């Protein structure tokens, strides 16, 4: 779980594409 999620959270551009500013990610 941690490794898989960490791989998804590495790209800040993708995070901003999927989440609004209040997301803890």
PDBML (XML) file of the C-alpha atoms, coordinates in Angstrom:
<?xml version="1.0" encoding="UTF-8" ?>
<PDBx:datablock datablockName="MODEL"
   xmlns:PDBx="http://pdbml.pdb.org/schema/pdbx-v50.xsd"
   xmlns:xsi="http://www.w3.org/2001/XMLSchema-instance"
   xsi:schemaLocation="http://pdbml.pdb.org/schema/pdbx-v50.xsd pdbx-v50.xsd">
   <PDBx:atom_siteCategory>
      <PDBx:atom_site id="1">
         <PDBx:B_iso_or_equiv>0.00</PDBx:B_iso_or_equiv>
         <PDBx:Cartn_x>0.000</PDBx:Cartn_x>
         <PDBx:Cartn_y>0.000</PDBx:Cartn_y>
         <PDBx:Cartn_z>0.000</PDBx:Cartn_z>
         <PDBx:auth_asym_id>A</PDBx:auth_asym_id>
         <PDBx:auth_atom_id>CA</PDBx:auth_atom_id>
         <PDBx:auth_comp_id>UNK</PDBx:auth_comp_id>
         <PDBx:auth_seq_id>1</PDBx:auth_seq_id>
         <PDBx:group_PDB>ATOM</PDBx:group_PDB>
         <PDBx:label_alt_id xsi:nil="true" />
         <PDBx:label_asym_id>A</PDBx:label_asym_id>
         <PDBx:label_atom_id>CA</PDBx:label_atom_id>
         <PDBx:label_comp_id>UNK</PDBx:label_comp_id>
         <PDBx:label_entity_id>1</PDBx:label_entity_id>
         <PDBx:label_seq_id>1</PDBx:label_seq_id>
         <PDBx:occupancy>1.00</PDBx:occupancy>
         <PDBx:pdbx_PDB_model_num>1</PDBx:pdbx_PDB_model_num>
         <PDBx:type_symbol>C</PDBx:type_symbol>
      </PDBx:atom_site>
      <PDBx:atom_site id="2">
         <PDBx:B_iso_or_equiv>0.00</PDBx:B_iso_or_equiv>
         <PDBx:Cartn_x>2.590</PDBx:Cartn_x>
         <PDBx:Cartn_y>2.592</PDBx:Cartn_y>
         <PDBx:Cartn_z>1.019</PDBx:Cartn_z>
         <PDBx:auth_asym_id>A</PDBx:auth_asym_id>
         <PDBx:auth_atom_id>CA</PDBx:auth_atom_id>
         <PDBx:auth_comp_id>UNK</PDBx:auth_comp_id>
         <PDBx:auth_seq_id>2</PDBx:auth_seq_id>
         <PDBx:group_PDB>ATOM</PDBx:group_PDB>
         <PDBx:label_alt_id xsi:nil="true" />
         <PDBx:label_asym_id>A</PDBx:label_asym_id>
         <PDBx:label_atom_id>CA</PDBx:label_atom_id>
         <PDBx:label_comp_id>UNK</PDBx:label_comp_id>
         <PDBx:label_entity_id>1</PDBx:label_entity_id>
         <PDBx:label_seq_id>2</PDBx:label_seq_id>
         <PDBx:occupancy>1.00</PDBx:occupancy>
         <PDBx:pdbx_PDB_model_num>1</PDBx:pdbx_PDB_model_num>
         <PDBx:type_symbol>C</PDBx:type_symbol>
      </PDBx:atom_site>
      <PDBx:atom_site id="3">
         <PDBx:B_iso_or_equiv>0.00</PDBx:B_iso_or_equiv>
         <PDBx:Cartn_x>4.869</PDBx:Cartn_x>
         <PDBx:Cartn_y>1.909</PDBx:Cartn_y>
         <PDBx:Cartn_z>-1.927</PDBx:Cartn_z>
         <PDBx:auth_asym_id>A</PDBx:auth_asym_id>
         <PDBx:auth_atom_id>CA</PDBx:auth_atom_id>
         <PDBx:auth_comp_id>UNK</PDBx:auth_comp_id>
         <PDBx:auth_seq_id>3</PDBx:auth_seq_id>
         <PDBx:group_PDB>ATOM</PDBx:group_PDB>
         <PDBx:label_alt_id xsi:nil="true" />
         <PDBx:label_asym_id>A</PDBx:label_asym_id>
         <PDBx:label_atom_id>CA</PDBx:label_atom_id>
         <PDBx:label_comp_id>UNK</PDBx:label_comp_id>
         <PDBx:label_entity_id>1</PDBx:label_entity_id>
         <PDBx:label_seq_id>3</PDBx:label_seq_id>
         <PDBx:occupancy>1.00</PDBx:occupancy>
         <PDBx:pdbx_PDB_model_num>1</PDBx:pdbx_PDB_model_num>
         <PDBx:type_symbol>C</PDBx:type_symbol>
      </PDBx:atom_site>
      <PDBx:atom_site id="4">
         <PDBx:B_iso_or_equiv>0.00</PDBx:B_iso_or_equiv>
         <PDBx:Cartn_x>1.997</PDBx:Cartn_x>
         <PDBx:Cartn_y>1.957</PDBx:Cartn_y>
         <PDBx:Cartn_z>-4.424</PDBx:Cartn_z>
         <PDBx:auth_asym_id>A</PDBx:auth_asym_id>
         <PDBx:auth_atom_id>CA</PDBx:auth_atom_id>
         <PDBx:auth_comp_id>UNK</PDBx:auth_comp_id>
         <PDBx:auth_seq_id>4</PDBx:auth_seq_id>
         <PDBx:group_PDB>ATOM</PDBx:group_PDB>
         <PDBx:label_alt_id xsi:nil="true" />
         <PDBx:label_asym_id>A</PDBx:label_asym_id>
         <PDBx:label_atom_id>CA</PDBx:label_atom_id>
         <PDBx:label_comp_id>UNK</PDBx:label_comp_id>
         <PDBx:label_entity_id>1</PDBx:label_entity_id>
         <PDBx:label_seq_id>4</PDBx:label_seq_id>
         <PDBx:occupancy>1.00</PDBx:occupancy>
         <PDBx:pdbx_PDB_model_num>1</PDBx:pdbx_PDB_model_num>
         <PDBx:type_symbol>C</PDBx:type_symbol>
      </PDBx:atom_site>
      <PDBx:atom_site id="5">
         <PDBx:B_iso_or_equiv>0.00</PDBx:B_iso_or_equiv>
         <PDBx:Cartn_x>0.586</PDBx:Cartn_x>
         <PDBx:Cartn_y>5.204</PDBx:Cartn_y>
         <PDBx:Cartn_z>-3.086</PDBx:Cartn_z>
         <PDBx:auth_asym_id>A</PDBx:auth_asym_id>
         <PDBx:auth_atom_id>CA</PDBx:auth_atom_id>
         <PDBx:auth_comp_id>UNK</PDBx:auth_comp_id>
         <PDBx:auth_seq_id>5</PDBx:auth_seq_id>
         <PDBx:group_PDB>ATOM</PDBx:group_PDB>
         <PDBx:label_alt_id xsi:nil="true" />
         <PDBx:label_asym_id>A</PDBx:label_asym_id>
         <PDBx:label_atom_id>CA</PDBx:label_atom_id>
         <PDBx:label_comp_id>UNK</PDBx:label_comp_id>
         <PDBx:label_entity_id>1</PDBx:label_entity_id>
         <PDBx:label_seq_id>5</PDBx:label_seq_id>
         <PDBx:occupancy>1.00</PDBx:occupancy>
         <PDBx:pdbx_PDB_model_num>1</PDBx:pdbx_PDB_model_num>
         <PDBx:type_symbol>C</PDBx:type_symbol>
      </PDBx:atom_site>
      <PDBx:atom_site id="6">
         <PDBx:B_iso_or_equiv>0.00</PDBx:B_iso_or_equiv>
         <PDBx:Cartn_x>4.026</PDBx:Cartn_x>
         <PDBx:Cartn_y>6.785</PDBx:Cartn_y>
         <PDBx:Cartn_z>-2.923</PDBx:Cartn_z>
         <PDBx:auth_asym_id>A</PDBx:auth_asym_id>
         <PDBx:auth_atom_id>CA</PDBx:auth_atom_id>
         <PDBx:auth_comp_id>UNK</PDBx:auth_comp_id>
         <PDBx:auth_seq_id>6</PDBx:auth_seq_id>
         <PDBx:group_PDB>ATOM</PDBx:group_PDB>
         <PDBx:label_alt_id xsi:nil="true" />
         <PDBx:label_asym_id>A</PDBx:label_asym_id>
         <PDBx:label_atom_id>CA</PDBx:label_atom_id>
         <PDBx:label_comp_id>UNK</PDBx:label_comp_id>
         <PDBx:label_entity_id>1</PDBx:label_entity_id>
         <PDBx:label_seq_id>6</PDBx:label_seq_id>
         <PDBx:occupancy>1.00</PDBx:occupancy>
         <PDBx:pdbx_PDB_model_num>1</PDBx:pdbx_PDB_model_num>
         <PDBx:type_symbol>C</PDBx:type_symbol>
      </PDBx:atom_site>
      <PDBx:atom_site id="7">
         <PDBx:B_iso_or_equiv>0.00</PDBx:B_iso_or_equiv>
         <PDBx:Cartn_x>4.531</PDBx:Cartn_x>
         <PDBx:Cartn_y>6.037</PDBx:Cartn_y>
         <PDBx:Cartn_z>-6.631</PDBx:Cartn_z>
         <PDBx:auth_asym_id>A</PDBx:auth_asym_id>
         <PDBx:auth_atom_id>CA</PDBx:auth_atom_id>
         <PDBx:auth_comp_id>UNK</PDBx:auth_comp_id>
         <PDBx:auth_seq_id>7</PDBx:auth_seq_id>
         <PDBx:group_PDB>ATOM</PDBx:group_PDB>
         <PDBx:label_alt_id xsi:nil="true" />
         <PDBx:label_asym_id>A</PDBx:label_asym_id>
         <PDBx:label_atom_id>CA</PDBx:label_atom_id>
         <PDBx:label_comp_id>UNK</PDBx:label_comp_id>
         <PDBx:label_entity_id>1</PDBx:label_entity_id>
         <PDBx:label_seq_id>7</PDBx:label_seq_id>
         <PDBx:occupancy>1.00</PDBx:occupancy>
         <PDBx:pdbx_PDB_model_num>1</PDBx:pdbx_PDB_model_num>
         <PDBx:type_symbol>C</PDBx:type_symbol>
      </PDBx:atom_site>
      <PDBx:atom_site id="8">
         <PDBx:B_iso_or_equiv>0.00</PDBx:B_iso_or_equiv>
         <PDBx:Cartn_x>1.266</PDBx:Cartn_x>
         <PDBx:Cartn_y>7.846</PDBx:Cartn_y>
         <PDBx:Cartn_z>-7.378</PDBx:Cartn_z>
         <PDBx:auth_asym_id>A</PDBx:auth_asym_id>
         <PDBx:auth_atom_id>CA</PDBx:auth_atom_id>
         <PDBx:auth_comp_id>UNK</PDBx:auth_comp_id>
         <PDBx:auth_seq_id>8</PDBx:auth_seq_id>
         <PDBx:group_PDB>ATOM</PDBx:group_PDB>
         <PDBx:label_alt_id xsi:nil="true" />
         <PDBx:label_asym_id>A</PDBx:label_asym_id>
         <PDBx:label_atom_id>CA</PDBx:label_atom_id>
         <PDBx:label_comp_id>UNK</PDBx:label_comp_id>
         <PDBx:label_entity_id>1</PDBx:label_entity_id>
         <PDBx:label_seq_id>8</PDBx:label_seq_id>
         <PDBx:occupancy>1.00</PDBx:occupancy>
         <PDBx:pdbx_PDB_model_num>1</PDBx:pdbx_PDB_model_num>
         <PDBx:type_symbol>C</PDBx:type_symbol>
      </PDBx:atom_site>
      <PDBx:atom_site id="9">
         <PDBx:B_iso_or_equiv>0.00</PDBx:B_iso_or_equiv>
         <PDBx:Cartn_x>2.227</PDBx:Cartn_x>
         <PDBx:Cartn_y>10.859</PDBx:Cartn_y>
         <PDBx:Cartn_z>-5.265</PDBx:Cartn_z>
         <PDBx:auth_asym_id>A</PDBx:auth_asym_id>
         <PDBx:auth_atom_id>CA</PDBx:auth_atom_id>
         <PDBx:auth_comp_id>UNK</PDBx:auth_comp_id>
         <PDBx:auth_seq_id>9</PDBx:auth_seq_id>
         <PDBx:group_PDB>ATOM</PDBx:group_PDB>
         <PDBx:label_alt_id xsi:nil="true" />
         <PDBx:label_asym_id>A</PDBx:label_asym_id>
         <PDBx:label_atom_id>CA</PDBx:label_atom_id>
         <PDBx:label_comp_id>UNK</PDBx:label_comp_id>
         <PDBx:label_entity_id>1</PDBx:label_entity_id>
         <PDBx:label_seq_id>9</PDBx:label_seq_id>
         <PDBx:occupancy>1.00</PDBx:occupancy>
         <PDBx:pdbx_PDB_model_num>1</PDBx:pdbx_PDB_model_num>
         <PDBx:type_symbol>C</PDBx:type_symbol>
      </PDBx:atom_site>
      <PDBx:atom_site id="10">
         <PDBx:B_iso_or_equiv>0.00</PDBx:B_iso_or_equiv>
         <PDBx:Cartn_x>5.628</PDBx:Cartn_x>
         <PDBx:Cartn_y>11.494</PDBx:Cartn_y>
         <PDBx:Cartn_z>-6.876</PDBx:Cartn_z>
         <PDBx:auth_asym_id>A</PDBx:auth_asym_id>
         <PDBx:auth_atom_id>CA</PDBx:auth_atom_id>
         <PDBx:auth_comp_id>UNK</PDBx:auth_comp_id>
         <PDBx:auth_seq_id>10</PDBx:auth_seq_id>
         <PDBx:group_PDB>ATOM</PDBx:group_PDB>
         <PDBx:label_alt_id xsi:nil="true" />
         <PDBx:label_asym_id>A</PDBx:label_asym_id>
         <PDBx:label_atom_id>CA</PDBx:label_atom_id>
         <PDBx:label_comp_id>UNK</PDBx:label_comp_id>
         <PDBx:label_entity_id>1</PDBx:label_entity_id>
         <PDBx:label_seq_id>10</PDBx:label_seq_id>
         <PDBx:occupancy>1.00</PDBx:occupancy>
         <PDBx:pdbx_PDB_model_num>1</PDBx:pdbx_PDB_model_num>
         <PDBx:type_symbol>C</PDBx:type_symbol>
      </PDBx:atom_site>
      <PDBx:atom_site id="11">
         <PDBx:B_iso_or_equiv>0.00</PDBx:B_iso_or_equiv>
         <PDBx:Cartn_x>4.313</PDBx:Cartn_x>
         <PDBx:Cartn_y>13.674</PDBx:Cartn_y>
         <PDBx:Cartn_z>-9.702</PDBx:Cartn_z>
         <PDBx:auth_asym_id>A</PDBx:auth_asym_id>
         <PDBx:auth_atom_id>CA</PDBx:auth_atom_id>
         <PDBx:auth_comp_id>UNK</PDBx:auth_comp_id>
         <PDBx:auth_seq_id>11</PDBx:auth_seq_id>
         <PDBx:group_PDB>ATOM</PDBx:group_PDB>
         <PDBx:label_alt_id xsi:nil="true" />
         <PDBx:label_asym_id>A</PDBx:label_asym_id>
         <PDBx:label_atom_id>CA</PDBx:label_atom_id>
         <PDBx:label_comp_id>UNK</PDBx:label_comp_id>
         <PDBx:label_entity_id>1</PDBx:label_entity_id>
         <PDBx:label_seq_id>11</PDBx:label_seq_id>
         <PDBx:occupancy>1.00</PDBx:occupancy>
         <PDBx:pdbx_PDB_model_num>1</PDBx:pdbx_PDB_model_num>
         <PDBx:type_symbol>C</PDBx:type_symbol>
      </PDBx:atom_site>
      <PDBx:atom_site id="12">
         <PDBx:B_iso_or_equiv>0.00</PDBx:B_iso_or_equiv>
         <PDBx:Cartn_x>3.137</PDBx:Cartn_x>
         <PDBx:Cartn_y>17.097</PDBx:Cartn_y>
         <PDBx:Cartn_z>-8.418</PDBx:Cartn_z>
         <PDBx:auth_asym_id>A</PDBx:auth_asym_id>
         <PDBx:auth_atom_id>CA</PDBx:auth_atom_id>
         <PDBx:auth_comp_id>UNK</PDBx:auth_comp_id>
         <PDBx:auth_seq_id>12</PDBx:auth_seq_id>
         <PDBx:group_PDB>ATOM</PDBx:group_PDB>
         <PDBx:label_alt_id xsi:nil="true" />
         <PDBx:label_asym_id>A</PDBx:label_asym_id>
         <PDBx:label_atom_id>CA</PDBx:label_atom_id>
         <PDBx:label_comp_id>UNK</PDBx:label_comp_id>
         <PDBx:label_entity_id>1</PDBx:label_entity_id>
         <PDBx:label_seq_id>12</PDBx:label_seq_id>
         <PDBx:occupancy>1.00</PDBx:occupancy>
         <PDBx:pdbx_PDB_model_num>1</PDBx:pdbx_PDB_model_num>
         <PDBx:type_symbol>C</PDBx:type_symbol>
      </PDBx:atom_site>
      <PDBx:atom_site id="13">
         <PDBx:B_iso_or_equiv>0.00</PDBx:B_iso_or_equiv>
         <PDBx:Cartn_x>1.564</PDBx:Cartn_x>
         <PDBx:Cartn_y>17.966</PDBx:Cartn_y>
         <PDBx:Cartn_z>-11.778</PDBx:Cartn_z>
         <PDBx:auth_asym_id>A</PDBx:auth_asym_id>
         <PDBx:auth_atom_id>CA</PDBx:auth_atom_id>
         <PDBx:auth_comp_id>UNK</PDBx:auth_comp_id>
         <PDBx:auth_seq_id>13</PDBx:auth_seq_id>
         <PDBx:group_PDB>ATOM</PDBx:group_PDB>
         <PDBx:label_alt_id xsi:nil="true" />
         <PDBx:label_asym_id>A</PDBx:label_asym_id>
         <PDBx:label_atom_id>CA</PDBx:label_atom_id>
         <PDBx:label_comp_id>UNK</PDBx:label_comp_id>
         <PDBx:label_entity_id>1</PDBx:label_entity_id>
         <PDBx:label_seq_id>13</PDBx:label_seq_id>
         <PDBx:occupancy>1.00</PDBx:occupancy>
         <PDBx:pdbx_PDB_model_num>1</PDBx:pdbx_PDB_model_num>
         <PDBx:type_symbol>C</PDBx:type_symbol>
      </PDBx:atom_site>
      <PDBx:atom_site id="14">
         <PDBx:B_iso_or_equiv>0.00</PDBx:B_iso_or_equiv>
         <PDBx:Cartn_x>-0.577</PDBx:Cartn_x>
         <PDBx:Cartn_y>14.827</PDBx:Cartn_y>
         <PDBx:Cartn_z>-11.714</PDBx:Cartn_z>
         <PDBx:auth_asym_id>A</PDBx:auth_asym_id>
         <PDBx:auth_atom_id>CA</PDBx:auth_atom_id>
         <PDBx:auth_comp_id>UNK</PDBx:auth_comp_id>
         <PDBx:auth_seq_id>14</PDBx:auth_seq_id>
         <PDBx:group_PDB>ATOM</PDBx:group_PDB>
         <PDBx:label_alt_id xsi:nil="true" />
         <PDBx:label_asym_id>A</PDBx:label_asym_id>
         <PDBx:label_atom_id>CA</PDBx:label_atom_id>
         <PDBx:label_comp_id>UNK</PDBx:label_comp_id>
         <PDBx:label_entity_id>1</PDBx:label_entity_id>
         <PDBx:label_seq_id>14</PDBx:label_seq_id>
         <PDBx:occupancy>1.00</PDBx:occupancy>
         <PDBx:pdbx_PDB_model_num>1</PDBx:pdbx_PDB_model_num>
         <PDBx:type_symbol>C</PDBx:type_symbol>
      </PDBx:atom_site>
      <PDBx:atom_site id="15">
         <PDBx:B_iso_or_equiv>0.00</PDBx:B_iso_or_equiv>
         <PDBx:Cartn_x>-1.588</PDBx:Cartn_x>
         <PDBx:Cartn_y>15.543</PDBx:Cartn_y>
         <PDBx:Cartn_z>-8.105</PDBx:Cartn_z>
         <PDBx:auth_asym_id>A</PDBx:auth_asym_id>
         <PDBx:auth_atom_id>CA</PDBx:auth_atom_id>
         <PDBx:auth_comp_id>UNK</PDBx:auth_comp_id>
         <PDBx:auth_seq_id>15</PDBx:auth_seq_id>
         <PDBx:group_PDB>ATOM</PDBx:group_PDB>
         <PDBx:label_alt_id xsi:nil="true" />
         <PDBx:label_asym_id>A</PDBx:label_asym_id>
         <PDBx:label_atom_id>CA</PDBx:label_atom_id>
         <PDBx:label_comp_id>UNK</PDBx:label_comp_id>
         <PDBx:label_entity_id>1</PDBx:label_entity_id>
         <PDBx:label_seq_id>15</PDBx:label_seq_id>
         <PDBx:occupancy>1.00</PDBx:occupancy>
         <PDBx:pdbx_PDB_model_num>1</PDBx:pdbx_PDB_model_num>
         <PDBx:type_symbol>C</PDBx:type_symbol>
      </PDBx:atom_site>
      <PDBx:atom_site id="16">
         <PDBx:B_iso_or_equiv>0.00</PDBx:B_iso_or_equiv>
         <PDBx:Cartn_x>-2.791</PDBx:Cartn_x>
         <PDBx:Cartn_y>19.015</PDBx:Cartn_y>
         <PDBx:Cartn_z>-9.068</PDBx:Cartn_z>
         <PDBx:auth_asym_id>A</PDBx:auth_asym_id>
         <PDBx:auth_atom_id>CA</PDBx:auth_atom_id>
         <PDBx:auth_comp_id>UNK</PDBx:auth_comp_id>
         <PDBx:auth_seq_id>16</PDBx:auth_seq_id>
         <PDBx:group_PDB>ATOM</PDBx:group_PDB>
         <PDBx:label_alt_id xsi:nil="true" />
         <PDBx:label_asym_id>A</PDBx:label_asym_id>
         <PDBx:label_atom_id>CA</PDBx:label_atom_id>
         <PDBx:label_comp_id>UNK</PDBx:label_comp_id>
         <PDBx:label_entity_id>1</PDBx:label_entity_id>
         <PDBx:label_seq_id>16</PDBx:label_seq_id>
         <PDBx:occupancy>1.00</PDBx:occupancy>
         <PDBx:pdbx_PDB_model_num>1</PDBx:pdbx_PDB_model_num>
         <PDBx:type_symbol>C</PDBx:type_symbol>
      </PDBx:atom_site>
      <PDBx:atom_site id="17">
         <PDBx:B_iso_or_equiv>0.00</PDBx:B_iso_or_equiv>
         <PDBx:Cartn_x>-4.635</PDBx:Cartn_x>
         <PDBx:Cartn_y>17.511</PDBx:Cartn_y>
         <PDBx:Cartn_z>-12.025</PDBx:Cartn_z>
         <PDBx:auth_asym_id>A</PDBx:auth_asym_id>
         <PDBx:auth_atom_id>CA</PDBx:auth_atom_id>
         <PDBx:auth_comp_id>UNK</PDBx:auth_comp_id>
         <PDBx:auth_seq_id>17</PDBx:auth_seq_id>
         <PDBx:group_PDB>ATOM</PDBx:group_PDB>
         <PDBx:label_alt_id xsi:nil="true" />
         <PDBx:label_asym_id>A</PDBx:label_asym_id>
         <PDBx:label_atom_id>CA</PDBx:label_atom_id>
         <PDBx:label_comp_id>UNK</PDBx:label_comp_id>
         <PDBx:label_entity_id>1</PDBx:label_entity_id>
         <PDBx:label_seq_id>17</PDBx:label_seq_id>
         <PDBx:occupancy>1.00</PDBx:occupancy>
         <PDBx:pdbx_PDB_model_num>1</PDBx:pdbx_PDB_model_num>
         <PDBx:type_symbol>C</PDBx:type_symbol>
      </PDBx:atom_site>
      <PDBx:atom_site id="18">
         <PDBx:B_iso_or_equiv>0.00</PDBx:B_iso_or_equiv>
         <PDBx:Cartn_x>-6.596</PDBx:Cartn_x>
         <PDBx:Cartn_y>15.158</PDBx:Cartn_y>
         <PDBx:Cartn_z>-9.727</PDBx:Cartn_z>
         <PDBx:auth_asym_id>A</PDBx:auth_asym_id>
         <PDBx:auth_atom_id>CA</PDBx:auth_atom_id>
         <PDBx:auth_comp_id>UNK</PDBx:auth_comp_id>
         <PDBx:auth_seq_id>18</PDBx:auth_seq_id>
         <PDBx:group_PDB>ATOM</PDBx:group_PDB>
         <PDBx:label_alt_id xsi:nil="true" />
         <PDBx:label_asym_id>A</PDBx:label_asym_id>
         <PDBx:label_atom_id>CA</PDBx:label_atom_id>
         <PDBx:label_comp_id>UNK</PDBx:label_comp_id>
         <PDBx:label_entity_id>1</PDBx:label_entity_id>
         <PDBx:label_seq_id>18</PDBx:label_seq_id>
         <PDBx:occupancy>1.00</PDBx:occupancy>
         <PDBx:pdbx_PDB_model_num>1</PDBx:pdbx_PDB_model_num>
         <PDBx:type_symbol>C</PDBx:type_symbol>
      </PDBx:atom_site>
      <PDBx:atom_site id="19">
         <PDBx:B_iso_or_equiv>0.00</PDBx:B_iso_or_equiv>
         <PDBx:Cartn_x>-6.854</PDBx:Cartn_x>
         <PDBx:Cartn_y>17.067</PDBx:Cartn_y>
         <PDBx:Cartn_z>-6.420</PDBx:Cartn_z>
         <PDBx:auth_asym_id>A</PDBx:auth_asym_id>
         <PDBx:auth_atom_id>CA</PDBx:auth_atom_id>
         <PDBx:auth_comp_id>UNK</PDBx:auth_comp_id>
         <PDBx:auth_seq_id>19</PDBx:auth_seq_id>
         <PDBx:group_PDB>ATOM</PDBx:group_PDB>
         <PDBx:label_alt_id xsi:nil="true" />
         <PDBx:label_asym_id>A</PDBx:label_asym_id>
         <PDBx:label_atom_id>CA</PDBx:label_atom_id>
         <PDBx:label_comp_id>UNK</PDBx:label_comp_id>
         <PDBx:label_entity_id>1</PDBx:label_entity_id>
         <PDBx:label_seq_id>19</PDBx:label_seq_id>
         <PDBx:occupancy>1.00</PDBx:occupancy>
         <PDBx:pdbx_PDB_model_num>1</PDBx:pdbx_PDB_model_num>
         <PDBx:type_symbol>C</PDBx:type_symbol>
      </PDBx:atom_site>
      <PDBx:atom_site id="20">
         <PDBx:B_iso_or_equiv>0.00</PDBx:B_iso_or_equiv>
         <PDBx:Cartn_x>-7.862</PDBx:Cartn_x>
         <PDBx:Cartn_y>20.534</PDBx:Cartn_y>
         <PDBx:Cartn_z>-5.272</PDBx:Cartn_z>
         <PDBx:auth_asym_id>A</PDBx:auth_asym_id>
         <PDBx:auth_atom_id>CA</PDBx:auth_atom_id>
         <PDBx:auth_comp_id>UNK</PDBx:auth_comp_id>
         <PDBx:auth_seq_id>20</PDBx:auth_seq_id>
         <PDBx:group_PDB>ATOM</PDBx:group_PDB>
         <PDBx:label_alt_id xsi:nil="true" />
         <PDBx:label_asym_id>A</PDBx:label_asym_id>
         <PDBx:label_atom_id>CA</PDBx:label_atom_id>
         <PDBx:label_comp_id>UNK</PDBx:label_comp_id>
         <PDBx:label_entity_id>1</PDBx:label_entity_id>
         <PDBx:label_seq_id>20</PDBx:label_seq_id>
         <PDBx:occupancy>1.00</PDBx:occupancy>
         <PDBx:pdbx_PDB_model_num>1</PDBx:pdbx_PDB_model_num>
         <PDBx:type_symbol>C</PDBx:type_symbol>
      </PDBx:atom_site>
      <PDBx:atom_site id="21">
         <PDBx:B_iso_or_equiv>0.00</PDBx:B_iso_or_equiv>
         <PDBx:Cartn_x>-5.613</PDBx:Cartn_x>
         <PDBx:Cartn_y>22.589</PDBx:Cartn_y>
         <PDBx:Cartn_z>-2.983</PDBx:Cartn_z>
         <PDBx:auth_asym_id>A</PDBx:auth_asym_id>
         <PDBx:auth_atom_id>CA</PDBx:auth_atom_id>
         <PDBx:auth_comp_id>UNK</PDBx:auth_comp_id>
         <PDBx:auth_seq_id>21</PDBx:auth_seq_id>
         <PDBx:group_PDB>ATOM</PDBx:group_PDB>
         <PDBx:label_alt_id xsi:nil="true" />
         <PDBx:label_asym_id>A</PDBx:label_asym_id>
         <PDBx:label_atom_id>CA</PDBx:label_atom_id>
         <PDBx:label_comp_id>UNK</PDBx:label_comp_id>
         <PDBx:label_entity_id>1</PDBx:label_entity_id>
         <PDBx:label_seq_id>21</PDBx:label_seq_id>
         <PDBx:occupancy>1.00</PDBx:occupancy>
         <PDBx:pdbx_PDB_model_num>1</PDBx:pdbx_PDB_model_num>
         <PDBx:type_symbol>C</PDBx:type_symbol>
      </PDBx:atom_site>
      <PDBx:atom_site id="22">
         <PDBx:B_iso_or_equiv>0.00</PDBx:B_iso_or_equiv>
         <PDBx:Cartn_x>-7.020</PDBx:Cartn_x>
         <PDBx:Cartn_y>21.315</PDBx:Cartn_y>
         <PDBx:Cartn_z>0.335</PDBx:Cartn_z>
         <PDBx:auth_asym_id>A</PDBx:auth_asym_id>
         <PDBx:auth_atom_id>CA</PDBx:auth_atom_id>
         <PDBx:auth_comp_id>UNK</PDBx:auth_comp_id>
         <PDBx:auth_seq_id>22</PDBx:auth_seq_id>
         <PDBx:group_PDB>ATOM</PDBx:group_PDB>
         <PDBx:label_alt_id xsi:nil="true" />
         <PDBx:label_asym_id>A</PDBx:label_asym_id>
         <PDBx:label_atom_id>CA</PDBx:label_atom_id>
         <PDBx:label_comp_id>UNK</PDBx:label_comp_id>
         <PDBx:label_entity_id>1</PDBx:label_entity_id>
         <PDBx:label_seq_id>22</PDBx:label_seq_id>
         <PDBx:occupancy>1.00</PDBx:occupancy>
         <PDBx:pdbx_PDB_model_num>1</PDBx:pdbx_PDB_model_num>
         <PDBx:type_symbol>C</PDBx:type_symbol>
      </PDBx:atom_site>
      <PDBx:atom_site id="23">
         <PDBx:B_iso_or_equiv>0.00</PDBx:B_iso_or_equiv>
         <PDBx:Cartn_x>-5.912</PDBx:Cartn_x>
         <PDBx:Cartn_y>17.734</PDBx:Cartn_y>
         <PDBx:Cartn_z>-0.333</PDBx:Cartn_z>
         <PDBx:auth_asym_id>A</PDBx:auth_asym_id>
         <PDBx:auth_atom_id>CA</PDBx:auth_atom_id>
         <PDBx:auth_comp_id>UNK</PDBx:auth_comp_id>
         <PDBx:auth_seq_id>23</PDBx:auth_seq_id>
         <PDBx:group_PDB>ATOM</PDBx:group_PDB>
         <PDBx:label_alt_id xsi:nil="true" />
         <PDBx:label_asym_id>A</PDBx:label_asym_id>
         <PDBx:label_atom_id>CA</PDBx:label_atom_id>
         <PDBx:label_comp_id>UNK</PDBx:label_comp_id>
         <PDBx:label_entity_id>1</PDBx:label_entity_id>
         <PDBx:label_seq_id>23</PDBx:label_seq_id>
         <PDBx:occupancy>1.00</PDBx:occupancy>
         <PDBx:pdbx_PDB_model_num>1</PDBx:pdbx_PDB_model_num>
         <PDBx:type_symbol>C</PDBx:type_symbol>
      </PDBx:atom_site>
      <PDBx:atom_site id="24">
         <PDBx:B_iso_or_equiv>0.00</PDBx:B_iso_or_equiv>
         <PDBx:Cartn_x>-3.290</PDBx:Cartn_x>
         <PDBx:Cartn_y>16.578</PDBx:Cartn_y>
         <PDBx:Cartn_z>2.186</PDBx:Cartn_z>
         <PDBx:auth_asym_id>A</PDBx:auth_asym_id>
         <PDBx:auth_atom_id>CA</PDBx:auth_atom_id>
         <PDBx:auth_comp_id>UNK</PDBx:auth_comp_id>
         <PDBx:auth_seq_id>24</PDBx:auth_seq_id>
         <PDBx:group_PDB>ATOM</PDBx:group_PDB>
         <PDBx:label_alt_id xsi:nil="true" />
         <PDBx:label_asym_id>A</PDBx:label_asym_id>
         <PDBx:label_atom_id>CA</PDBx:label_atom_id>
         <PDBx:label_comp_id>UNK</PDBx:label_comp_id>
         <PDBx:label_entity_id>1</PDBx:label_entity_id>
         <PDBx:label_seq_id>24</PDBx:label_seq_id>
         <PDBx:occupancy>1.00</PDBx:occupancy>
         <PDBx:pdbx_PDB_model_num>1</PDBx:pdbx_PDB_model_num>
         <PDBx:type_symbol>C</PDBx:type_symbol>
      </PDBx:atom_site>
      <PDBx:atom_site id="25">
         <PDBx:B_iso_or_equiv>0.00</PDBx:B_iso_or_equiv>
         <PDBx:Cartn_x>-1.456</PDBx:Cartn_x>
         <PDBx:Cartn_y>14.933</PDBx:Cartn_y>
         <PDBx:Cartn_z>-0.712</PDBx:Cartn_z>
         <PDBx:auth_asym_id>A</PDBx:auth_asym_id>
         <PDBx:auth_atom_id>CA</PDBx:auth_atom_id>
         <PDBx:auth_comp_id>UNK</PDBx:auth_comp_id>
         <PDBx:auth_seq_id>25</PDBx:auth_seq_id>
         <PDBx:group_PDB>ATOM</PDBx:group_PDB>
         <PDBx:label_alt_id xsi:nil="true" />
         <PDBx:label_asym_id>A</PDBx:label_asym_id>
         <PDBx:label_atom_id>CA</PDBx:label_atom_id>
         <PDBx:label_comp_id>UNK</PDBx:label_comp_id>
         <PDBx:label_entity_id>1</PDBx:label_entity_id>
         <PDBx:label_seq_id>25</PDBx:label_seq_id>
         <PDBx:occupancy>1.00</PDBx:occupancy>
         <PDBx:pdbx_PDB_model_num>1</PDBx:pdbx_PDB_model_num>
         <PDBx:type_symbol>C</PDBx:type_symbol>
      </PDBx:atom_site>
   </PDBx:atom_siteCategory>
</PDBx:datablock>
